[in-house]
């Protein structure tokens, strides 16, 4: 397997899902950001991601277990997801798209 499955909390299945949307390295994931990667997986991936996958991506970048992320940042992340979705909706109404 590649680089992503070597990160804490990400395995071969997670890596395959991220590869489907063009994320192949830790740097790709950092540049895209876990929230945008999660939203792209929802929109473009073959398998819809769970919130645990979002927590796992954040944990992988911070070298922390995903359950710690879920326990300590769940509310904040849900608000960020909602905000990002609302921004995409507003921009779509204007005919603008957020770059991947």
C-alpha atoms as a PDB file:
ATOM      1  CA  UNK A   1       0.000   0.000   0.000  1.00  0.00           C
ATOM      2  CA  UNK A   2       0.935   3.610  -0.237  1.00  0.00           C
ATOM      3  CA  UNK A   3       1.753   6.371   2.166  1.00  0.00           C
ATOM      4  CA  UNK A   4      -1.726   7.093   3.554  1.00  0.00           C
ATOM      5  CA  UNK A   5      -2.332   3.643   5.038  1.00  0.00           C
ATOM      6  CA  UNK A   6       0.829   4.101   7.107  1.00  0.00           C
ATOM      7  CA  UNK A   7      -0.720   7.045   8.948  1.00  0.00           C
ATOM      8  CA  UNK A   8      -2.326   6.387  12.332  1.00  0.00           C
ATOM      9  CA  UNK A   9      -5.959   5.375  11.945  1.00  0.00           C
ATOM     10  CA  UNK A  10      -6.009   5.033   8.141  1.00  0.00           C
ATOM     11  CA  UNK A  11      -5.905   1.605   6.575  1.00  0.00           C
ATOM     12  CA  UNK A  12      -5.946   0.239   3.032  1.00  0.00           C
ATOM     13  CA  UNK A  13      -9.699   0.822   2.566  1.00  0.00           C
ATOM     14  CA  UNK A  14      -9.406   4.461   3.677  1.00  0.00           C
ATOM     15  CA  UNK A  15      -6.449   4.908   1.371  1.00  0.00           C
ATOM     16  CA  UNK A  16      -8.373   3.490  -1.607  1.00  0.00           C
ATOM     17  CA  UNK A  17     -11.262   5.871  -0.929  1.00  0.00           C
ATOM     18  CA  UNK A  18      -8.954   8.870  -0.724  1.00  0.00           C
ATOM     19  CA  UNK A  19      -7.090   7.782  -3.849  1.00  0.00           C
ATOM     20  CA  UNK A  20     -10.424   7.789  -5.725  1.00  0.00           C
ATOM     21  CA  UNK A  21     -10.673  11.537  -5.205  1.00  0.00           C
ATOM     22  CA  UNK A  22      -7.047  12.288  -5.995  1.00  0.00           C
ATOM     23  CA  UNK A  23      -5.558  12.256  -2.503  1.00  0.00           C
ATOM     24  CA  UNK A  24      -2.485  10.019  -2.519  1.00  0.00           C
ATOM     25  CA  UNK A  25      -0.113  11.468   0.072  1.00  0.00           C
ATOM     26  CA  UNK A  26      -0.138  13.065   3.496  1.00  0.00           C
ATOM     27  CA  UNK A  27       0.672  16.355   1.783  1.00  0.00           C
ATOM     28  CA  UNK A  28      -2.365  15.965  -0.503  1.00  0.00           C
ATOM     29  CA  UNK A  29      -4.551  15.404   2.553  1.00  0.00           C
ATOM     30  CA  UNK A  30      -3.039  18.384   4.374  1.00  0.00           C
ATOM     31  CA  UNK A  31      -3.511  20.661   1.352  1.00  0.00           C
ATOM     32  CA  UNK A  32      -7.081  19.544   0.745  1.00  0.00           C
ATOM     33  CA  UNK A  33      -7.953  19.469   4.427  1.00  0.00           C
ATOM     34  CA  UNK A  34      -9.967  16.746   6.140  1.00  0.00           C
ATOM     35  CA  UNK A  35     -13.279  18.628   5.897  1.00  0.00           C
ATOM     36  CA  UNK A  36     -12.984  19.250   2.153  1.00  0.00           C
ATOM     37  CA  UNK A  37     -11.751  15.683   1.643  1.00  0.00           C
ATOM     38  CA  UNK A  38     -14.788  14.396   3.557  1.00  0.00           C
ATOM     39  CA  UNK A  39     -17.171  16.498   1.481  1.00  0.00           C
ATOM     40  CA  UNK A  40     -15.478  15.396  -1.753  1.00  0.00           C
ATOM     41  CA  UNK A  41     -15.787  11.761  -0.652  1.00  0.00           C
ATOM     42  CA  UNK A  42     -19.503  12.325  -0.070  1.00  0.00           C
ATOM     43  CA  UNK A  43     -19.929  13.919  -3.492  1.00  0.00           C
ATOM     44  CA  UNK A  44     -17.492  11.921  -5.621  1.00  0.00           C
ATOM     45  CA  UNK A  45     -16.570   8.700  -3.836  1.00  0.00           C
ATOM     46  CA  UNK A  46     -18.070   5.292  -4.438  1.00  0.00           C
ATOM     47  CA  UNK A  47     -18.798   4.720  -0.753  1.00  0.00           C
ATOM     48  CA  UNK A  48     -20.273   7.513   1.353  1.00  0.00           C
ATOM     49  CA  UNK A  49     -17.955   8.222   4.299  1.00  0.00           C
ATOM     50  CA  UNK A  50     -19.021   8.114   7.931  1.00  0.00           C
ATOM     51  CA  UNK A  51     -18.135  10.810  10.416  1.00  0.00           C
ATOM     52  CA  UNK A  52     -15.631   8.338  11.850  1.00  0.00           C
ATOM     53  CA  UNK A  53     -13.697   8.649   8.585  1.00  0.00           C
ATOM     54  CA  UNK A  54     -13.528  12.417   9.087  1.00  0.00           C
ATOM     55  CA  UNK A  55     -12.248  11.898  12.623  1.00  0.00           C
ATOM     56  CA  UNK A  56      -9.723   9.344  11.326  1.00  0.00           C
ATOM     57  CA  UNK A  57      -8.349  11.763   8.714  1.00  0.00           C
ATOM     58  CA  UNK A  58      -7.881  14.461  11.338  1.00  0.00           C
ATOM     59  CA  UNK A  59      -6.343  11.967  13.738  1.00  0.00           C
ATOM     60  CA  UNK A  60      -3.964  10.757  11.024  1.00  0.00           C
ATOM     61  CA  UNK A  61      -2.689  14.285  10.454  1.00  0.00           C
ATOM     62  CA  UNK A  62      -2.372  14.958  14.187  1.00  0.00           C
ATOM     63  CA  UNK A  63      -1.058  11.472  15.082  1.00  0.00           C
ATOM     64  CA  UNK A  64      -3.987  10.930  17.454  1.00  0.00           C
ATOM     65  CA  UNK A  65      -6.597   8.186  17.672  1.00  0.00           C
ATOM     66  CA  UNK A  66      -9.857   8.995  15.900  1.00  0.00           C
ATOM     67  CA  UNK A  67     -11.937   8.383  19.043  1.00  0.00           C
ATOM     68  CA  UNK A  68     -10.061  11.198  20.781  1.00  0.00           C
ATOM     69  CA  UNK A  69     -10.925  13.520  17.895  1.00  0.00           C
ATOM     70  CA  UNK A  70     -14.572  12.440  18.019  1.00  0.00           C
ATOM     71  CA  UNK A  71     -14.746  12.954  21.771  1.00  0.00           C
ATOM     72  CA  UNK A  72     -13.057  16.351  21.895  1.00  0.00           C
ATOM     73  CA  UNK A  73     -13.977  18.050  18.611  1.00  0.00           C
ATOM     74  CA  UNK A  74     -17.217  16.473  17.393  1.00  0.00           C
ATOM     75  CA  UNK A  75     -19.408  19.558  17.859  1.00  0.00           C
ATOM     76  CA  UNK A  76     -16.868  21.905  16.261  1.00  0.00           C
ATOM     77  CA  UNK A  77     -16.450  19.631  13.236  1.00  0.00           C
ATOM     78  CA  UNK A  78     -20.191  19.267  12.713  1.00  0.00           C
ATOM     79  CA  UNK A  79     -20.503  23.061  12.723  1.00  0.00           C
ATOM     80  CA  UNK A  80     -17.658  23.355  10.213  1.00  0.00           C
ATOM     81  CA  UNK A  81     -19.324  20.792   7.934  1.00  0.00           C
ATOM     82  CA  UNK A  82     -22.612  22.677   8.091  1.00  0.00           C
ATOM     83  CA  UNK A  83     -20.887  25.987   7.400  1.00  0.00           C
ATOM     84  CA  UNK A  84     -18.989  24.614   4.450  1.00  0.00           C
ATOM     85  CA  UNK A  85     -22.151  23.055   2.994  1.00  0.00           C
ATOM     86  CA  UNK A  86     -23.995  26.363   3.389  1.00  0.00           C
ATOM     87  CA  UNK A  87     -21.157  28.236   1.671  1.00  0.00           C
ATOM     88  CA  UNK A  88     -21.203  25.777  -1.245  1.00  0.00           C
ATOM     89  CA  UNK A  89     -24.965  26.263  -1.560  1.00  0.00           C
ATOM     90  CA  UNK A  90     -24.654  30.062  -1.660  1.00  0.00           C
ATOM     91  CA  UNK A  91     -21.840  29.949  -4.191  1.00  0.00           C
ATOM     92  CA  UNK A  92     -23.754  27.483  -6.367  1.00  0.00           C
ATOM     93  CA  UNK A  93     -26.677  29.911  -6.454  1.00  0.00           C
ATOM     94  CA  UNK A  94     -24.252  32.550  -7.735  1.00  0.00           C
ATOM     95  CA  UNK A  95     -22.745  30.127 -10.248  1.00  0.00           C
ATOM     96  CA  UNK A  96     -19.412  29.890  -8.464  1.00  0.00           C
ATOM     97  CA  UNK A  97     -17.796  26.620  -7.441  1.00  0.00           C
ATOM     98  CA  UNK A  98     -15.341  26.020  -4.597  1.00  0.00           C
ATOM     99  CA  UNK A  99     -12.100  24.624  -6.006  1.00  0.00           C
ATOM    100  CA  UNK A 100     -11.293  21.043  -4.950  1.00  0.00           C
END
